[in-house]
Amino acid sequence: DEILLRENVRFSSNDFSIETENVIFNRNDQTAKSKTKSMFRSNNATISSDGFDIHDKGNKIIFYGNSYIILK
């Protein structure tokens, strides 16, 4: 049920987008994880991190490694 997405992967919703190079996406659980440099963008924040885990159908995102947050 897991799919490896490679090269310029982008997840988008009405509230945010995340861009990275490699993501393992689980269709059944609706989860995603990446261990590559990632960029999260929303209307109020930008987060650069070394990876992430998306849980709870996108309601929870955990960022890993060196992370930088810019709040607007």
Protein backbone atom coordinates (compact mmCIF):
# COMPACT_ATOMS: atom_id res chain seq x y z
CA ASP A 1 0.00 0.00 0.00
CA GLU A 2 3.06 2.27 0.11
CA ILE A 3 4.25 4.19 -2.93
CA LEU A 4 7.61 5.91 -3.35
CA LEU A 5 7.16 9.31 -5.03
CA ARG A 6 10.39 10.79 -6.40
CA GLU A 7 11.71 14.05 -7.80
CA ASN A 8 9.89 17.32 -7.15
CA VAL A 9 7.04 15.91 -5.06
CA ARG A 10 4.36 18.40 -4.02
CA PHE A 11 1.43 17.86 -1.66
CA SER A 12 -1.19 20.61 -1.80
CA SER A 13 -4.39 21.38 0.05
CA ASN A 14 -6.51 24.47 0.50
CA ASP A 15 -4.47 25.36 3.59
CA PHE A 16 -0.85 24.45 2.78
CA SER A 17 1.66 22.86 0.40
CA ILE A 18 4.79 20.78 1.04
CA GLU A 19 7.57 20.29 -1.50
CA THR A 20 10.37 17.72 -1.26
CA GLU A 21 12.35 15.22 -3.37
CA ASN A 22 11.23 11.80 -2.06
CA VAL A 23 8.08 10.76 -0.18
CA ILE A 24 6.69 7.42 0.92
CA PHE A 25 2.91 7.71 0.66
CA ASN A 26 0.53 5.16 2.20
CA ARG A 27 -2.79 5.13 0.34
CA ASN A 28 -4.74 3.19 2.96
CA ASP A 29 -3.64 5.20 6.00
CA GLN A 30 -3.44 8.50 4.08
CA THR A 31 0.00 9.16 5.60
CA ALA A 32 3.25 10.42 4.09
CA LYS A 33 6.85 10.62 5.25
CA SER A 34 10.03 12.07 3.87
CA LYS A 35 13.67 12.16 5.00
CA THR A 36 14.74 14.74 2.42
CA LYS A 37 14.85 18.54 2.62
CA SER A 38 11.30 19.84 2.66
CA MET A 39 9.54 23.19 2.34
CA PHE A 40 6.12 23.76 3.97
CA ARG A 41 4.16 26.87 2.94
CA SER A 42 0.90 28.31 4.20
CA ASN A 43 -0.62 31.79 4.30
CA ASN A 44 0.92 32.48 7.72
CA ALA A 45 4.10 30.39 7.87
CA THR A 46 7.00 28.87 5.96
CA ILE A 47 8.90 25.90 7.42
CA SER A 48 12.10 24.44 6.02
CA SER A 49 13.08 21.05 7.50
CA ASP A 50 15.12 17.91 6.94
CA GLY A 51 11.99 15.76 6.67
CA PHE A 52 8.43 15.25 7.89
CA ASP A 53 5.70 12.77 8.80
CA ILE A 54 2.07 13.51 7.95
CA HIS A 55 -0.46 11.69 10.15
CA ASP A 56 -4.18 11.82 10.87
CA LYS A 57 -5.11 12.51 7.21
CA GLY A 58 -3.04 15.69 7.15
CA ASN A 59 -4.20 17.09 10.49
CA LYS A 60 -0.80 16.43 12.14
CA ILE A 61 2.58 17.14 10.60
CA ILE A 62 5.83 16.45 12.46
CA PHE A 63 8.97 18.13 11.09
CA TYR A 64 12.43 16.54 11.61
CA GLY A 65 16.05 17.63 11.76
CA ASN A 66 17.19 21.19 11.35
CA SER A 67 14.02 23.23 10.93
CA TYR A 68 13.52 26.93 10.30
CA ILE A 69 10.19 28.66 10.80
CA ILE A 70 9.18 32.04 9.40
CA LEU A 71 5.88 33.41 10.75
CA LYS A 72 4.08 36.17 8.89
